[in-house]
Amino acid sequence: MEFDTSSPIWAQLVAEFSRRIVTGEWPAGARIAGVRDLASELGVNPNTTQRALAELERQQLCRSERTAGRFVTSDAARIDALRAELAQGAADDFVRRARGLGMLPAQARRLIDERWSHDDHIDHLAGGVTDDDR
């Protein structure tokens, strides 16, 4: 994972861990690796990793069990809400950038439709799930 200077590293870790939860890389109810293992994997200080995990707990995206470690929430509604929140943020960024480029709404929608189809084609070639599979 590469970090930038736009926000604190712990906040970037929260975003990365949130992404892992909504994509299923960290499935609902799964045990999360320990702080030191995650810190080593990501090349960050364990205290920074601990702070990010504490924030996930505050957001009820994971829970701690004494002596057993941390676990991803099993609350599917909470995970769906997070997914919607992240998608909304991405959509907001896209709209802001498209407006900045002088695009009209119809042009932006057409671009999304084209890219969505293009990615489906790529997913299908890679053996992934496409809209046609759903």
C-alpha atoms as a PDB file:
ATOM      1  CA  MET A   1       0.000   0.000   0.000  1.00  0.00           C
ATOM      2  CA  GLU A   2       1.274   3.430  -0.907  1.00  0.00           C
ATOM      3  CA  PHE A   3       0.502   6.372   1.335  1.00  0.00           C
ATOM      4  CA  ASP A   4       0.184  10.005   0.379  1.00  0.00           C
ATOM      5  CA  THR A   5       0.318  13.274   2.267  1.00  0.00           C
ATOM      6  CA  SER A   6      -3.353  14.148   1.765  1.00  0.00           C
ATOM      7  CA  SER A   7      -4.437  12.696   5.110  1.00  0.00           C
ATOM      8  CA  PRO A   8      -2.928  11.005   8.176  1.00  0.00           C
ATOM      9  CA  ILE A   9      -1.680   7.453   7.628  1.00  0.00           C
ATOM     10  CA  TRP A  10      -4.090   6.065  10.238  1.00  0.00           C
ATOM     11  CA  ALA A  11      -6.997   7.556   8.253  1.00  0.00           C
ATOM     12  CA  GLN A  12      -5.660   5.998   5.048  1.00  0.00           C
ATOM     13  CA  LEU A  13      -5.482   2.671   6.896  1.00  0.00           C
ATOM     14  CA  VAL A  14      -9.129   3.057   7.948  1.00  0.00           C
ATOM     15  CA  ALA A  15     -10.012   3.576   4.284  1.00  0.00           C
ATOM     16  CA  GLU A  16      -7.966   0.538   3.237  1.00  0.00           C
ATOM     17  CA  PHE A  17      -9.462  -1.687   5.946  1.00  0.00           C
ATOM     18  CA  SER A  18     -12.953  -0.461   5.044  1.00  0.00           C
ATOM     19  CA  ARG A  19     -12.266  -1.363   1.422  1.00  0.00           C
ATOM     20  CA  ARG A  20     -11.160  -4.833   2.507  1.00  0.00           C
ATOM     21  CA  ILE A  21     -14.416  -5.290   4.435  1.00  0.00           C
ATOM     22  CA  VAL A  22     -16.800  -4.167   1.667  1.00  0.00           C
ATOM     23  CA  THR A  23     -14.994  -6.182  -1.006  1.00  0.00           C
ATOM     24  CA  GLY A  24     -15.058  -9.327   1.122  1.00  0.00           C
ATOM     25  CA  GLU A  25     -11.282  -9.540   1.322  1.00  0.00           C
ATOM     26  CA  TRP A  26     -12.037  -9.479   5.034  1.00  0.00           C
ATOM     27  CA  PRO A  27     -15.333 -11.424   5.141  1.00  0.00           C
ATOM     28  CA  ALA A  28     -18.070 -10.706   7.673  1.00  0.00           C
ATOM     29  CA  GLY A  29     -17.250 -12.385  10.973  1.00  0.00           C
ATOM     30  CA  ALA A  30     -13.645 -13.176   9.970  1.00  0.00           C
ATOM     31  CA  ARG A  31     -10.786 -12.748  12.396  1.00  0.00           C
ATOM     32  CA  ILE A  32      -8.541  -9.807  11.524  1.00  0.00           C
ATOM     33  CA  ALA A  33      -4.778 -10.320  11.611  1.00  0.00           C
ATOM     34  CA  GLY A  34      -2.997  -8.974  14.661  1.00  0.00           C
ATOM     35  CA  VAL A  35      -1.775  -5.401  14.898  1.00  0.00           C
ATOM     36  CA  ARG A  36       1.889  -6.318  14.466  1.00  0.00           C
ATOM     37  CA  ASP A  37       1.195  -8.551  11.469  1.00  0.00           C
ATOM     38  CA  LEU A  38      -0.866  -5.837   9.779  1.00  0.00           C
ATOM     39  CA  ALA A  39       1.726  -3.178  10.600  1.00  0.00           C
ATOM     40  CA  SER A  40       4.464  -5.368   9.128  1.00  0.00           C
ATOM     41  CA  GLU A  41       2.398  -6.109   6.012  1.00  0.00           C
ATOM     42  CA  LEU A  42       1.705  -2.415   5.435  1.00  0.00           C
ATOM     43  CA  GLY A  43       5.078  -1.064   6.545  1.00  0.00           C
ATOM     44  CA  VAL A  44       3.667   1.215   9.236  1.00  0.00           C
ATOM     45  CA  ASN A  45       4.074   1.688  12.962  1.00  0.00           C
ATOM     46  CA  PRO A  46       1.961  -0.718  15.088  1.00  0.00           C
ATOM     47  CA  ASN A  47       0.578   2.274  17.028  1.00  0.00           C
ATOM     48  CA  THR A  48      -0.731   3.719  13.759  1.00  0.00           C
ATOM     49  CA  THR A  49      -2.340   0.396  12.896  1.00  0.00           C
ATOM     50  CA  GLN A  50      -3.847   0.187  16.390  1.00  0.00           C
ATOM     51  CA  ARG A  51      -5.369   3.642  15.959  1.00  0.00           C
ATOM     52  CA  ALA A  52      -6.933   2.655  12.630  1.00  0.00           C
ATOM     53  CA  LEU A  53      -8.391  -0.530  14.109  1.00  0.00           C
ATOM     54  CA  ALA A  54      -9.739   1.415  17.093  1.00  0.00           C
ATOM     55  CA  GLU A  55     -11.513   3.716  14.634  1.00  0.00           C
ATOM     56  CA  LEU A  56     -13.021   0.681  12.876  1.00  0.00           C
ATOM     57  CA  GLU A  57     -14.292  -0.470  16.274  1.00  0.00           C
ATOM     58  CA  ARG A  58     -15.743   2.975  16.954  1.00  0.00           C
ATOM     59  CA  GLN A  59     -17.554   2.742  13.611  1.00  0.00           C
ATOM     60  CA  GLN A  60     -18.776  -0.740  14.608  1.00  0.00           C
ATOM     61  CA  LEU A  61     -17.060  -2.331  11.619  1.00  0.00           C
ATOM     62  CA  CYS A  62     -15.148  -4.706  13.860  1.00  0.00           C
ATOM     63  CA  ARG A  63     -15.205  -5.857  17.446  1.00  0.00           C
ATOM     64  CA  SER A  64     -12.620  -7.078  19.926  1.00  0.00           C
ATOM     65  CA  GLU A  65     -12.912 -10.282  21.879  1.00  0.00           C
ATOM     66  CA  ARG A  66     -10.624 -10.474  24.854  1.00  0.00           C
ATOM     67  CA  THR A  67      -7.714 -12.848  24.175  1.00  0.00           C
ATOM     68  CA  ALA A  68      -9.180 -13.874  20.782  1.00  0.00           C
ATOM     69  CA  GLY A  69      -8.462 -10.729  18.741  1.00  0.00           C
ATOM     70  CA  ARG A  70     -10.540  -8.564  16.458  1.00  0.00           C
ATOM     71  CA  PHE A  71     -13.290  -9.709  14.137  1.00  0.00           C
ATOM     72  CA  VAL A  72     -15.052  -8.080  11.208  1.00  0.00           C
ATOM     73  CA  THR A  73     -18.651  -7.240  12.033  1.00  0.00           C
ATOM     74  CA  SER A  74     -21.247  -9.809  11.019  1.00  0.00           C
ATOM     75  CA  ASP A  75     -23.793  -7.031  10.569  1.00  0.00           C
ATOM     76  CA  ALA A  76     -24.538  -7.225   6.815  1.00  0.00           C
ATOM     77  CA  ALA A  77     -26.609  -4.042   6.975  1.00  0.00           C
ATOM     78  CA  ARG A  78     -23.648  -2.155   8.463  1.00  0.00           C
ATOM     79  CA  ILE A  79     -21.356  -3.452   5.706  1.00  0.00           C
ATOM     80  CA  ASP A  80     -23.923  -2.529   3.033  1.00  0.00           C
ATOM     81  CA  ALA A  81     -24.199   0.955   4.544  1.00  0.00           C
ATOM     82  CA  LEU A  82     -20.416   1.331   4.416  1.00  0.00           C
ATOM     83  CA  ARG A  83     -20.379   0.151   0.783  1.00  0.00           C
ATOM     84  CA  ALA A  84     -23.044   2.732  -0.096  1.00  0.00           C
ATOM     85  CA  GLU A  85     -21.124   5.450   1.766  1.00  0.00           C
ATOM     86  CA  LEU A  86     -17.882   4.647  -0.078  1.00  0.00           C
ATOM     87  CA  ALA A  87     -19.668   4.505  -3.450  1.00  0.00           C
ATOM     88  CA  GLN A  88     -21.347   7.856  -2.719  1.00  0.00           C
ATOM     89  CA  GLY A  89     -17.960   9.407  -1.997  1.00  0.00           C
ATOM     90  CA  ALA A  90     -16.547   8.027  -5.248  1.00  0.00           C
ATOM     91  CA  ALA A  91     -19.569   9.319  -7.156  1.00  0.00           C
ATOM     92  CA  ASP A  92     -19.190  12.757  -5.570  1.00  0.00           C
ATOM     93  CA  ASP A  93     -15.518  12.842  -6.585  1.00  0.00           C
ATOM     94  CA  PHE A  94     -16.393  11.826 -10.144  1.00  0.00           C
ATOM     95  CA  VAL A  95     -19.113  14.454 -10.482  1.00  0.00           C
ATOM     96  CA  ARG A  96     -16.835  17.165  -9.092  1.00  0.00           C
ATOM     97  CA  ARG A  97     -14.052  16.248 -11.536  1.00  0.00           C
ATOM     98  CA  ALA A  98     -16.410  15.873 -14.509  1.00  0.00           C
ATOM     99  CA  ARG A  99     -17.906  19.300 -13.794  1.00  0.00           C
ATOM    100  CA  GLY A 100     -14.390  20.711 -13.512  1.00  0.00           C
ATOM    101  CA  LEU A 101     -13.686  19.381 -17.006  1.00  0.00           C
ATOM    102  CA  GLY A 102     -16.818  21.049 -18.302  1.00  0.00           C
ATOM    103  CA  MET A 103     -18.753  17.817 -18.932  1.00  0.00           C
ATOM    104  CA  LEU A 104     -22.533  17.843 -19.149  1.00  0.00           C
ATOM    105  CA  PRO A 105     -24.492  15.323 -17.046  1.00  0.00           C
ATOM    106  CA  ALA A 106     -25.442  13.262 -20.116  1.00  0.00           C
ATOM    107  CA  GLN A 107     -21.794  13.071 -21.174  1.00  0.00           C
ATOM    108  CA  ALA A 108     -20.773  11.942 -17.695  1.00  0.00           C
ATOM    109  CA  ARG A 109     -23.512   9.265 -17.608  1.00  0.00           C
ATOM    110  CA  ARG A 110     -22.466   7.997 -21.031  1.00  0.00           C
ATOM    111  CA  LEU A 111     -18.846   7.802 -19.867  1.00  0.00           C
ATOM    112  CA  ILE A 112     -19.855   5.785 -16.784  1.00  0.00           C
ATOM    113  CA  ASP A 113     -21.949   3.414 -18.897  1.00  0.00           C
ATOM    114  CA  GLU A 114     -19.043   2.901 -21.292  1.00  0.00           C
ATOM    115  CA  ARG A 115     -16.523   2.324 -18.518  1.00  0.00           C
ATOM    116  CA  TRP A 116     -18.899   0.004 -16.658  1.00  0.00           C
ATOM    117  CA  SER A 117     -19.304  -2.131 -19.772  1.00  0.00           C
ATOM    118  CA  HIS A 118     -15.579  -2.045 -20.423  1.00  0.00           C
ATOM    119  CA  ASP A 119     -14.811  -3.231 -16.877  1.00  0.00           C
ATOM    120  CA  ASP A 120     -17.431  -5.996 -17.192  1.00  0.00           C
ATOM    121  CA  HIS A 121     -15.642  -7.170 -20.308  1.00  0.00           C
ATOM    122  CA  ILE A 122     -12.324  -7.170 -18.437  1.00  0.00           C
ATOM    123  CA  ASP A 123     -13.895  -8.952 -15.424  1.00  0.00           C
ATOM    124  CA  HIS A 124     -15.390 -11.579 -17.701  1.00  0.00           C
ATOM    125  CA  LEU A 125     -12.023 -12.240 -19.356  1.00  0.00           C
ATOM    126  CA  ALA A 126     -10.449 -12.581 -15.929  1.00  0.00           C
ATOM    127  CA  GLY A 127     -13.163 -14.994 -14.772  1.00  0.00           C
ATOM    128  CA  GLY A 128     -14.909 -12.469 -12.550  1.00  0.00           C
ATOM    129  CA  VAL A 129     -18.595 -11.779 -12.057  1.00  0.00           C
ATOM    130  CA  THR A 130     -20.230  -9.481 -14.622  1.00  0.00           C
ATOM    131  CA  ASP A 131     -23.626  -7.816 -14.766  1.00  0.00           C
ATOM    132  CA  ASP A 132     -24.725 -10.582 -17.123  1.00  0.00           C
ATOM    133  CA  ASP A 133     -23.878 -13.135 -14.429  1.00  0.00           C
ATOM    134  CA  ARG A 134     -26.085 -11.432 -11.833  1.00  0.00           C
END
